[in-house]
PDB file of all heavy atoms in Angstrom:
ATOM      1  N   GLN A   1      -6.974   1.231   6.262  1.00  0.00           N
ATOM      2  CA  GLN A   1      -6.688   0.426   7.442  1.00  0.00           C
ATOM      3  C   GLN A   1      -5.635  -0.638   7.144  1.00  0.00           C
ATOM      4  O   GLN A   1      -4.739  -0.899   7.958  1.00  0.00           O
ATOM      5  CB  GLN A   1      -7.977  -0.233   7.957  1.00  0.00           C
ATOM      6  CG  GLN A   1      -7.781  -1.144   9.159  1.00  0.00           C
ATOM      7  CD  GLN A   1      -7.189  -0.418  10.352  1.00  0.00           C
ATOM      8  OE1 GLN A   1      -7.513   0.743  10.597  1.00  0.00           O
ATOM      9  NE2 GLN A   1      -6.321  -1.094  11.098  1.00  0.00           N
ATOM     10  N   LYS A   2      -5.710  -1.221   5.964  1.00  0.00           N
ATOM     11  CA  LYS A   2      -4.726  -2.237   5.593  1.00  0.00           C
ATOM     12  C   LYS A   2      -3.343  -1.611   5.395  1.00  0.00           C
ATOM     13  O   LYS A   2      -2.316  -2.228   5.728  1.00  0.00           O
ATOM     14  CB  LYS A   2      -5.190  -2.970   4.336  1.00  0.00           C
ATOM     15  CG  LYS A   2      -6.427  -3.827   4.579  1.00  0.00           C
ATOM     16  CD  LYS A   2      -6.921  -4.466   3.297  1.00  0.00           C
ATOM     17  CE  LYS A   2      -8.185  -5.284   3.558  1.00  0.00           C
ATOM     18  NZ  LYS A   2      -8.746  -5.873   2.330  1.00  0.00           N
ATOM     19  N   LEU A   3      -3.312  -0.414   4.852  1.00  0.00           N
ATOM     20  CA  LEU A   3      -2.029   0.279   4.732  1.00  0.00           C
ATOM     21  C   LEU A   3      -1.460   0.602   6.109  1.00  0.00           C
ATOM     22  O   LEU A   3      -0.244   0.484   6.328  1.00  0.00           O
ATOM     23  CB  LEU A   3      -2.197   1.555   3.915  1.00  0.00           C
ATOM     24  CG  LEU A   3      -2.531   1.393   2.425  1.00  0.00           C
ATOM     25  CD1 LEU A   3      -2.702   2.755   1.766  1.00  0.00           C
ATOM     26  CD2 LEU A   3      -1.453   0.583   1.704  1.00  0.00           C
ATOM     27  N   GLU A   4      -2.329   0.996   7.034  1.00  0.00           N
ATOM     28  CA  GLU A   4      -1.875   1.261   8.413  1.00  0.00           C
ATOM     29  C   GLU A   4      -1.284  -0.001   9.030  1.00  0.00           C
ATOM     30  O   GLU A   4      -0.249   0.047   9.715  1.00  0.00           O
ATOM     31  CB  GLU A   4      -3.044   1.760   9.265  1.00  0.00           C
ATOM     32  CG  GLU A   4      -3.577   3.125   8.875  1.00  0.00           C
ATOM     33  CD  GLU A   4      -2.706   4.261   9.379  1.00  0.00           C
ATOM     34  OE1 GLU A   4      -1.663   3.988   9.995  1.00  0.00           O
ATOM     35  OE2 GLU A   4      -3.085   5.435   9.150  1.00  0.00           O
ATOM     36  N   GLU A   5      -1.926  -1.130   8.798  1.00  0.00           N
ATOM     37  CA  GLU A   5      -1.421  -2.402   9.313  1.00  0.00           C
ATOM     38  C   GLU A   5      -0.066  -2.729   8.692  1.00  0.00           C
ATOM     39  O   GLU A   5       0.821  -3.288   9.361  1.00  0.00           O
ATOM     40  CB  GLU A   5      -2.436  -3.513   9.041  1.00  0.00           C
ATOM     41  CG  GLU A   5      -3.729  -3.355   9.828  1.00  0.00           C
ATOM     42  CD  GLU A   5      -4.808  -4.316   9.360  1.00  0.00           C
ATOM     43  OE1 GLU A   5      -4.550  -5.087   8.400  1.00  0.00           O
ATOM     44  OE2 GLU A   5      -5.922  -4.306   9.938  1.00  0.00           O
ATOM     45  N   GLY A   6       0.101  -2.379   7.413  1.00  0.00           N
ATOM     46  CA  GLY A   6       1.391  -2.591   6.766  1.00  0.00           C
ATOM     47  C   GLY A   6       2.486  -1.756   7.386  1.00  0.00           C
ATOM     48  O   GLY A   6       3.622  -2.233   7.579  1.00  0.00           O
ATOM     49  N   MET A   7       2.180  -0.526   7.735  1.00  0.00           N
ATOM     50  CA  MET A   7       3.164   0.328   8.396  1.00  0.00           C
ATOM     51  C   MET A   7       3.536  -0.221   9.767  1.00  0.00           C
ATOM     52  O   MET A   7       4.710  -0.194  10.166  1.00  0.00           O
ATOM     53  CB  MET A   7       2.613   1.744   8.527  1.00  0.00           C
ATOM     54  CG  MET A   7       2.531   2.506   7.223  1.00  0.00           C
ATOM     55  SD  MET A   7       4.132   2.806   6.454  1.00  0.00           S
ATOM     56  CE  MET A   7       4.863   3.965   7.614  1.00  0.00           C
ATOM     57  N   GLU A   8       2.561  -0.756  10.476  1.00  0.00           N
ATOM     58  CA  GLU A   8       2.833  -1.339  11.784  1.00  0.00           C
ATOM     59  C   GLU A   8       3.707  -2.583  11.650  1.00  0.00           C
ATOM     60  O   GLU A   8       4.623  -2.803  12.454  1.00  0.00           O
ATOM     61  CB  GLU A   8       1.520  -1.689  12.486  1.00  0.00           C
ATOM     62  CG  GLU A   8       1.677  -2.300  13.866  1.00  0.00           C
ATOM     63  CD  GLU A   8       2.394  -1.392  14.836  1.00  0.00           C
ATOM     64  OE1 GLU A   8       2.311  -0.151  14.694  1.00  0.00           O
ATOM     65  OE2 GLU A   8       3.067  -1.913  15.760  1.00  0.00           O
ATOM     66  N   LYS A   9       3.430  -3.370  10.614  1.00  0.00           N
ATOM     67  CA  LYS A   9       4.256  -4.565  10.380  1.00  0.00           C
ATOM     68  C   LYS A   9       5.701  -4.174  10.084  1.00  0.00           C
ATOM     69  O   LYS A   9       6.643  -4.796  10.595  1.00  0.00           O
ATOM     70  CB  LYS A   9       3.685  -5.378   9.217  1.00  0.00           C
ATOM     71  CG  LYS A   9       4.482  -6.629   8.902  1.00  0.00           C
ATOM     72  CD  LYS A   9       3.811  -7.478   7.827  1.00  0.00           C
ATOM     73  CE  LYS A   9       3.845  -6.826   6.481  1.00  0.00           C
ATOM     74  NZ  LYS A   9       3.341  -7.734   5.399  1.00  0.00           N
ATOM     75  N   ALA A  10       5.884  -3.143   9.285  1.00  0.00           N
ATOM     76  CA  ALA A  10       7.234  -2.687   8.966  1.00  0.00           C
ATOM     77  C   ALA A  10       7.955  -2.212  10.220  1.00  0.00           C
ATOM     78  O   ALA A  10       9.143  -2.480  10.415  1.00  0.00           O
ATOM     79  CB  ALA A  10       7.172  -1.565   7.935  1.00  0.00           C
ATOM     80  N   LYS A  11       7.220  -1.520  11.082  1.00  0.00           N
ATOM     81  CA  LYS A  11       7.805  -1.038  12.330  1.00  0.00           C
ATOM     82  C   LYS A  11       8.279  -2.196  13.186  1.00  0.00           C
ATOM     83  O   LYS A  11       9.387  -2.161  13.751  1.00  0.00           O
ATOM     84  CB  LYS A  11       6.775  -0.198  13.086  1.00  0.00           C
ATOM     85  CG  LYS A  11       7.280   0.375  14.400  1.00  0.00           C
ATOM     86  CD  LYS A  11       6.200   1.213  15.071  1.00  0.00           C
ATOM     87  CE  LYS A  11       6.680   1.785  16.399  1.00  0.00           C
ATOM     88  NZ  LYS A  11       5.618   2.585  17.068  1.00  0.00           N
ATOM     89  N   GLN A  12       7.465  -3.243  13.286  1.00  0.00           N
ATOM     90  CA  GLN A  12       7.836  -4.414  14.072  1.00  0.00           C
ATOM     91  C   GLN A  12       9.053  -5.130  13.485  1.00  0.00           C
ATOM     92  O   GLN A  12       9.834  -5.730  14.219  1.00  0.00           O
ATOM     93  CB  GLN A  12       6.650  -5.368  14.161  1.00  0.00           C
ATOM     94  CG  GLN A  12       5.463  -4.800  14.942  1.00  0.00           C
ATOM     95  CD  GLN A  12       4.255  -5.707  14.888  1.00  0.00           C
ATOM     96  OE1 GLN A  12       4.278  -6.763  14.243  1.00  0.00           O
ATOM     97  NE2 GLN A  12       3.178  -5.311  15.567  1.00  0.00           N
ATOM     98  N   GLN A  13       9.203  -5.063  12.169  1.00  0.00           N
ATOM     99  CA  GLN A  13      10.324  -5.719  11.507  1.00  0.00           C
ATOM    100  C   GLN A  13      11.561  -4.825  11.445  1.00  0.00           C
ATOM    101  O   GLN A  13      12.602  -5.245  10.940  1.00  0.00           O
ATOM    102  CB  GLN A  13       9.917  -6.131  10.088  1.00  0.00           C
ATOM    103  CG  GLN A  13       8.827  -7.188  10.047  1.00  0.00           C
ATOM    104  CD  GLN A  13       8.361  -7.481   8.626  1.00  0.00           C
ATOM    105  OE1 GLN A  13       8.639  -6.735   7.696  1.00  0.00           O
ATOM    106  NE2 GLN A  13       7.641  -8.584   8.463  1.00  0.00           N
ATOM    107  N   GLY A  14      11.441  -3.612  11.939  1.00  0.00           N
ATOM    108  CA  GLY A  14      12.576  -2.696  11.927  1.00  0.00           C
ATOM    109  C   GLY A  14      12.891  -2.121  10.563  1.00  0.00           C
ATOM    110  O   GLY A  14      14.038  -1.742  10.290  1.00  0.00           O
ATOM    111  N   ILE A  15      11.878  -2.047   9.693  1.00  0.00           N
ATOM    112  CA  ILE A  15      12.073  -1.524   8.345  1.00  0.00           C
ATOM    113  C   ILE A  15      11.569  -0.082   8.274  1.00  0.00           C
ATOM    114  O   ILE A  15      10.441   0.217   8.674  1.00  0.00           O
ATOM    115  CB  ILE A  15      11.321  -2.377   7.304  1.00  0.00           C
ATOM    116  CG1 ILE A  15      11.826  -3.814   7.326  1.00  0.00           C
ATOM    117  CG2 ILE A  15      11.473  -1.785   5.907  1.00  0.00           C
ATOM    118  CD1 ILE A  15      11.045  -4.758   6.431  1.00  0.00           C
ATOM    119  N   ARG A  16      12.386   0.801   7.778  1.00  0.00           N
ATOM    120  CA  ARG A  16      11.986   2.188   7.593  1.00  0.00           C
ATOM    121  C   ARG A  16      11.338   2.330   6.217  1.00  0.00           C
ATOM    122  O   ARG A  16      12.002   2.249   5.189  1.00  0.00           O
ATOM    123  CB  ARG A  16      13.196   3.114   7.692  1.00  0.00           C
ATOM    124  CG  ARG A  16      12.842   4.594   7.532  1.00  0.00           C
ATOM    125  CD  ARG A  16      14.092   5.430   7.385  1.00  0.00           C
ATOM    126  NE  ARG A  16      13.772   6.855   7.252  1.00  0.00           N
ATOM    127  CZ  ARG A  16      14.632   7.782   6.870  1.00  0.00           C
ATOM    128  NH1 ARG A  16      15.892   7.421   6.592  1.00  0.00           N
ATOM    129  NH2 ARG A  16      14.269   9.046   6.759  1.00  0.00           N
ATOM    130  N   VAL A  17      10.039   2.540   6.183  1.00  0.00           N
ATOM    131  CA  VAL A  17       9.319   2.673   4.922  1.00  0.00           C
ATOM    132  C   VAL A  17       9.473   4.094   4.402  1.00  0.00           C
ATOM    133  O   VAL A  17       9.221   5.064   5.111  1.00  0.00           O
ATOM    134  CB  VAL A  17       7.814   2.328   5.092  1.00  0.00           C
ATOM    135  CG1 VAL A  17       7.064   2.578   3.790  1.00  0.00           C
ATOM    136  CG2 VAL A  17       7.649   0.888   5.545  1.00  0.00           C
ATOM    137  N   LYS A  18       9.898   4.201   3.130  1.00  0.00           N
ATOM    138  CA  LYS A  18      10.090   5.518   2.527  1.00  0.00           C
ATOM    139  C   LYS A  18       9.104   5.804   1.402  1.00  0.00           C
ATOM    140  O   LYS A  18       8.970   6.975   0.992  1.00  0.00           O
ATOM    141  CB  LYS A  18      11.518   5.625   1.961  1.00  0.00           C
ATOM    142  CG  LYS A  18      12.595   5.712   3.026  1.00  0.00           C
ATOM    143  CD  LYS A  18      12.542   7.031   3.769  1.00  0.00           C
ATOM    144  CE  LYS A  18      12.824   8.223   2.889  1.00  0.00           C
ATOM    145  NZ  LYS A  18      14.240   8.264   2.415  1.00  0.00           N
ATOM    146  N   ALA A  19       8.437   4.772   0.864  1.00  0.00           N
ATOM    147  CA  ALA A  19       7.586   5.016  -0.303  1.00  0.00           C
ATOM    148  C   ALA A  19       6.396   4.082  -0.313  1.00  0.00           C
ATOM    149  O   ALA A  19       6.449   2.958   0.212  1.00  0.00           O
ATOM    150  CB  ALA A  19       8.395   4.850  -1.591  1.00  0.00           C
ATOM    151  N   LEU A  20       5.331   4.558  -0.906  1.00  0.00           N
ATOM    152  CA  LEU A  20       4.144   3.756  -1.215  1.00  0.00           C
ATOM    153  C   LEU A  20       4.075   3.642  -2.730  1.00  0.00           C
ATOM    154  O   LEU A  20       4.056   4.656  -3.439  1.00  0.00           O
ATOM    155  CB  LEU A  20       2.884   4.433  -0.680  1.00  0.00           C
ATOM    156  CG  LEU A  20       1.535   3.860  -1.130  1.00  0.00           C
ATOM    157  CD1 LEU A  20       1.349   2.438  -0.611  1.00  0.00           C
ATOM    158  CD2 LEU A  20       0.383   4.763  -0.684  1.00  0.00           C
ATOM    159  N   ILE A  21       4.055   2.415  -3.240  1.00  0.00           N
ATOM    160  CA  ILE A  21       3.998   2.185  -4.681  1.00  0.00           C
ATOM    161  C   ILE A  21       2.620   1.631  -5.034  1.00  0.00           C
ATOM    162  O   ILE A  21       2.196   0.600  -4.506  1.00  0.00           O
ATOM    163  CB  ILE A  21       5.094   1.220  -5.149  1.00  0.00           C
ATOM    164  CG1 ILE A  21       6.486   1.806  -4.857  1.00  0.00           C
ATOM    165  CG2 ILE A  21       4.948   0.930  -6.640  1.00  0.00           C
ATOM    166  CD1 ILE A  21       7.635   0.912  -5.286  1.00  0.00           C
ATOM    167  N   LEU A  22       1.944   2.320  -5.926  1.00  0.00           N
ATOM    168  CA  LEU A  22       0.624   1.904  -6.390  1.00  0.00           C
ATOM    169  C   LEU A  22       0.630   1.785  -7.911  1.00  0.00           C
ATOM    170  O   LEU A  22       1.192   2.645  -8.601  1.00  0.00           O
ATOM    171  CB  LEU A  22      -0.445   2.913  -5.970  1.00  0.00           C
ATOM    172  CG  LEU A  22      -0.668   3.118  -4.470  1.00  0.00           C
ATOM    173  CD1 LEU A  22      -1.675   4.235  -4.238  1.00  0.00           C
ATOM    174  CD2 LEU A  22      -1.143   1.822  -3.811  1.00  0.00           C
ATOM    175  N   ILE A  23       0.014   0.726  -8.414  1.00  0.00           N
ATOM    176  CA  ILE A  23      -0.172   0.535  -9.851  1.00  0.00           C
ATOM    177  C   ILE A  23      -1.652   0.773 -10.139  1.00  0.00           C
ATOM    178  O   ILE A  23      -2.512   0.126  -9.546  1.00  0.00           O
ATOM    179  CB  ILE A  23       0.226  -0.883 -10.293  1.00  0.00           C
ATOM    180  CG1 ILE A  23       1.637  -1.214  -9.817  1.00  0.00           C
ATOM    181  CG2 ILE A  23       0.123  -1.031 -11.804  1.00  0.00           C
ATOM    182  CD1 ILE A  23       2.019  -2.667 -10.015  1.00  0.00           C
ATOM    183  N   ASN A  24      -1.935   1.692 -11.018  1.00  0.00           N
ATOM    184  CA  ASN A  24      -3.323   2.056 -11.304  1.00  0.00           C
ATOM    185  C   ASN A  24      -3.494   2.315 -12.801  1.00  0.00           C
ATOM    186  O   ASN A  24      -2.872   3.239 -13.332  1.00  0.00           O
ATOM    187  CB  ASN A  24      -3.717   3.310 -10.509  1.00  0.00           C
ATOM    188  CG  ASN A  24      -5.175   3.675 -10.658  1.00  0.00           C
ATOM    189  OD1 ASN A  24      -6.030   2.814 -10.796  1.00  0.00           O
ATOM    190  ND2 ASN A  24      -5.474   4.965 -10.641  1.00  0.00           N
ATOM    191  N   PRO A  25      -4.300   1.488 -13.501  1.00  0.00           N
ATOM    192  CA  PRO A  25      -5.036   0.300 -13.048  1.00  0.00           C
ATOM    193  C   PRO A  25      -4.098  -0.752 -12.471  1.00  0.00           C
ATOM    194  O   PRO A  25      -2.975  -0.912 -12.928  1.00  0.00           O
ATOM    195  CB  PRO A  25      -5.717  -0.210 -14.318  1.00  0.00           C
ATOM    196  CG  PRO A  25      -5.785   0.973 -15.230  1.00  0.00           C
ATOM    197  CD  PRO A  25      -4.557   1.771 -14.934  1.00  0.00           C
ATOM    198  N   GLN A  26      -4.619  -1.473 -11.499  1.00  0.00           N
ATOM    199  CA  GLN A  26      -3.796  -2.398 -10.730  1.00  0.00           C
ATOM    200  C   GLN A  26      -3.424  -3.632 -11.564  1.00  0.00           C
ATOM    201  O   GLN A  26      -4.236  -4.164 -12.313  1.00  0.00           O
ATOM    202  CB  GLN A  26      -4.557  -2.827  -9.469  1.00  0.00           C
ATOM    203  CG  GLN A  26      -3.686  -3.037  -8.253  1.00  0.00           C
ATOM    204  CD  GLN A  26      -3.050  -4.425  -8.203  1.00  0.00           C
ATOM    205  OE1 GLN A  26      -3.359  -5.292  -9.003  1.00  0.00           O
ATOM    206  NE2 GLN A  26      -2.184  -4.647  -7.230  1.00  0.00           N
ATOM    207  N   ASN A  27      -2.188  -4.051 -11.418  1.00  0.00           N
ATOM    208  CA  ASN A  27      -1.687  -5.256 -12.079  1.00  0.00           C
ATOM    209  C   ASN A  27      -1.248  -6.240 -10.999  1.00  0.00           C
ATOM    210  O   ASN A  27      -0.371  -5.909 -10.201  1.00  0.00           O
ATOM    211  CB  ASN A  27      -0.494  -4.907 -12.969  1.00  0.00           C
ATOM    212  CG  ASN A  27       0.135  -6.117 -13.637  1.00  0.00           C
ATOM    213  OD1 ASN A  27      -0.473  -7.173 -13.749  1.00  0.00           O
ATOM    214  ND2 ASN A  27       1.358  -5.949 -14.111  1.00  0.00           N
ATOM    215  N   PRO A  28      -1.902  -7.425 -10.901  1.00  0.00           N
ATOM    216  CA  PRO A  28      -2.730  -8.102 -11.895  1.00  0.00           C
ATOM    217  C   PRO A  28      -4.243  -8.007 -11.685  1.00  0.00           C
ATOM    218  O   PRO A  28      -4.993  -8.619 -12.449  1.00  0.00           O
ATOM    219  CB  PRO A  28      -2.304  -9.554 -11.721  1.00  0.00           C
ATOM    220  CG  PRO A  28      -2.115  -9.674 -10.231  1.00  0.00           C
ATOM    221  CD  PRO A  28      -1.504  -8.353  -9.804  1.00  0.00           C
ATOM    222  N   LEU A  29      -4.708  -7.315 -10.660  1.00  0.00           N
ATOM    223  CA  LEU A  29      -6.133  -7.352 -10.332  1.00  0.00           C
ATOM    224  C   LEU A  29      -7.005  -6.704 -11.397  1.00  0.00           C
ATOM    225  O   LEU A  29      -8.160  -7.076 -11.573  1.00  0.00           O
ATOM    226  CB  LEU A  29      -6.381  -6.662  -8.992  1.00  0.00           C
ATOM    227  CG  LEU A  29      -5.739  -7.299  -7.760  1.00  0.00           C
ATOM    228  CD1 LEU A  29      -6.020  -6.453  -6.524  1.00  0.00           C
ATOM    229  CD2 LEU A  29      -6.243  -8.720  -7.558  1.00  0.00           C
ATOM    230  N   GLY A  30      -6.469  -5.703 -12.086  1.00  0.00           N
ATOM    231  CA  GLY A  30      -7.271  -4.997 -13.070  1.00  0.00           C
ATOM    232  C   GLY A  30      -8.174  -3.944 -12.469  1.00  0.00           C
ATOM    233  O   GLY A  30      -8.977  -3.329 -13.170  1.00  0.00           O
ATOM    234  N   GLU A  31      -8.071  -3.713 -11.173  1.00  0.00           N
ATOM    235  CA  GLU A  31      -8.924  -2.730 -10.513  1.00  0.00           C
ATOM    236  C   GLU A  31      -8.472  -1.312 -10.852  1.00  0.00           C
ATOM    237  O   GLU A  31      -7.282  -1.014 -10.919  1.00  0.00           O
ATOM    238  CB  GLU A  31      -8.881  -2.924  -9.002  1.00  0.00           C
ATOM    239  CG  GLU A  31      -9.726  -1.918  -8.233  1.00  0.00           C
ATOM    240  CD  GLU A  31      -9.626  -2.082  -6.733  1.00  0.00           C
ATOM    241  OE1 GLU A  31      -8.833  -2.929  -6.275  1.00  0.00           O
ATOM    242  OE2 GLU A  31     -10.339  -1.369  -6.020  1.00  0.00           O
ATOM    243  N   VAL A  32      -9.457  -0.435 -11.052  1.00  0.00           N
ATOM    244  CA  VAL A  32      -9.192   0.983 -11.238  1.00  0.00           C
ATOM    245  C   VAL A  32      -9.530   1.688  -9.931  1.00  0.00           C
ATOM    246  O   VAL A  32     -10.654   1.609  -9.438  1.00  0.00           O
ATOM    247  CB  VAL A  32     -10.028   1.564 -12.389  1.00  0.00           C
ATOM    248  CG1 VAL A  32      -9.857   3.071 -12.463  1.00  0.00           C
ATOM    249  CG2 VAL A  32      -9.619   0.922 -13.719  1.00  0.00           C
ATOM    250  N   TYR A  33      -8.554   2.369  -9.357  1.00  0.00           N
ATOM    251  CA  TYR A  33      -8.778   3.036  -8.081  1.00  0.00           C
ATOM    252  C   TYR A  33      -9.700   4.242  -8.258  1.00  0.00           C
ATOM    253  O   TYR A  33      -9.526   5.044  -9.183  1.00  0.00           O
ATOM    254  CB  TYR A  33      -7.455   3.488  -7.468  1.00  0.00           C
ATOM    255  CG  TYR A  33      -6.562   2.359  -7.011  1.00  0.00           C
ATOM    256  CD1 TYR A  33      -5.181   2.432  -7.152  1.00  0.00           C
ATOM    257  CD2 TYR A  33      -7.100   1.212  -6.434  1.00  0.00           C
ATOM    258  CE1 TYR A  33      -4.348   1.394  -6.725  1.00  0.00           C
ATOM    259  CE2 TYR A  33      -6.289   0.178  -6.000  1.00  0.00           C
ATOM    260  CZ  TYR A  33      -4.922   0.269  -6.153  1.00  0.00           C
ATOM    261  OH  TYR A  33      -4.105  -0.758  -5.728  1.00  0.00           O
ATOM    262  N   SER A  34     -10.633   4.387  -7.357  1.00  0.00           N
ATOM    263  CA  SER A  34     -11.554   5.518  -7.397  1.00  0.00           C
ATOM    264  C   SER A  34     -10.827   6.788  -6.981  1.00  0.00           C
ATOM    265  O   SER A  34      -9.802   6.737  -6.275  1.00  0.00           O
ATOM    266  CB  SER A  34     -12.728   5.271  -6.449  1.00  0.00           C
ATOM    267  OG  SER A  34     -12.295   5.313  -5.100  1.00  0.00           O
ATOM    268  N   PRO A  35     -11.328   7.959  -7.400  1.00  0.00           N
ATOM    269  CA  PRO A  35     -10.711   9.225  -6.943  1.00  0.00           C
ATOM    270  C   PRO A  35     -10.678   9.324  -5.420  1.00  0.00           C
ATOM    271  O   PRO A  35      -9.700   9.840  -4.864  1.00  0.00           O
ATOM    272  CB  PRO A  35     -11.621  10.290  -7.562  1.00  0.00           C
ATOM    273  CG  PRO A  35     -12.251   9.623  -8.741  1.00  0.00           C
ATOM    274  CD  PRO A  35     -12.412   8.186  -8.357  1.00  0.00           C
ATOM    275  N   HIS A  36     -11.728   8.836  -4.762  1.00  0.00           N
ATOM    276  CA  HIS A  36     -11.773   8.894  -3.303  1.00  0.00           C
ATOM    277  C   HIS A  36     -10.662   8.059  -2.677  1.00  0.00           C
ATOM    278  O   HIS A  36      -9.972   8.516  -1.754  1.00  0.00           O
ATOM    279  CB  HIS A  36     -13.130   8.410  -2.804  1.00  0.00           C
ATOM    280  CG  HIS A  36     -13.256   8.371  -1.312  1.00  0.00           C
ATOM    281  ND1 HIS A  36     -13.321   9.513  -0.534  1.00  0.00           N
ATOM    282  CD2 HIS A  36     -13.296   7.304  -0.431  1.00  0.00           C
ATOM    283  CE1 HIS A  36     -13.411   9.173   0.740  1.00  0.00           C
ATOM    284  NE2 HIS A  36     -13.388   7.852   0.831  1.00  0.00           N
ATOM    285  N   LEU A  37     -10.466   6.828  -3.180  1.00  0.00           N
ATOM    286  CA  LEU A  37      -9.419   5.967  -2.635  1.00  0.00           C
ATOM    287  C   LEU A  37      -8.035   6.548  -2.918  1.00  0.00           C
ATOM    288  O   LEU A  37      -7.145   6.518  -2.054  1.00  0.00           O
ATOM    289  CB  LEU A  37      -9.531   4.559  -3.212  1.00  0.00           C
ATOM    290  CG  LEU A  37      -8.470   3.557  -2.749  1.00  0.00           C
ATOM    291  CD1 LEU A  37      -8.471   3.411  -1.242  1.00  0.00           C
ATOM    292  CD2 LEU A  37      -8.684   2.194  -3.419  1.00  0.00           C
TER     293      LEU A  37
END
């Protein structure tokens, strides 16, 4: 849902999003993304 909100924000700003960048394990949070996520 938060990613969807990010896409909507980009649309409102007139930005064409071409990529999703994920760091896993996440830096700086240290979170490890689950297979489901």
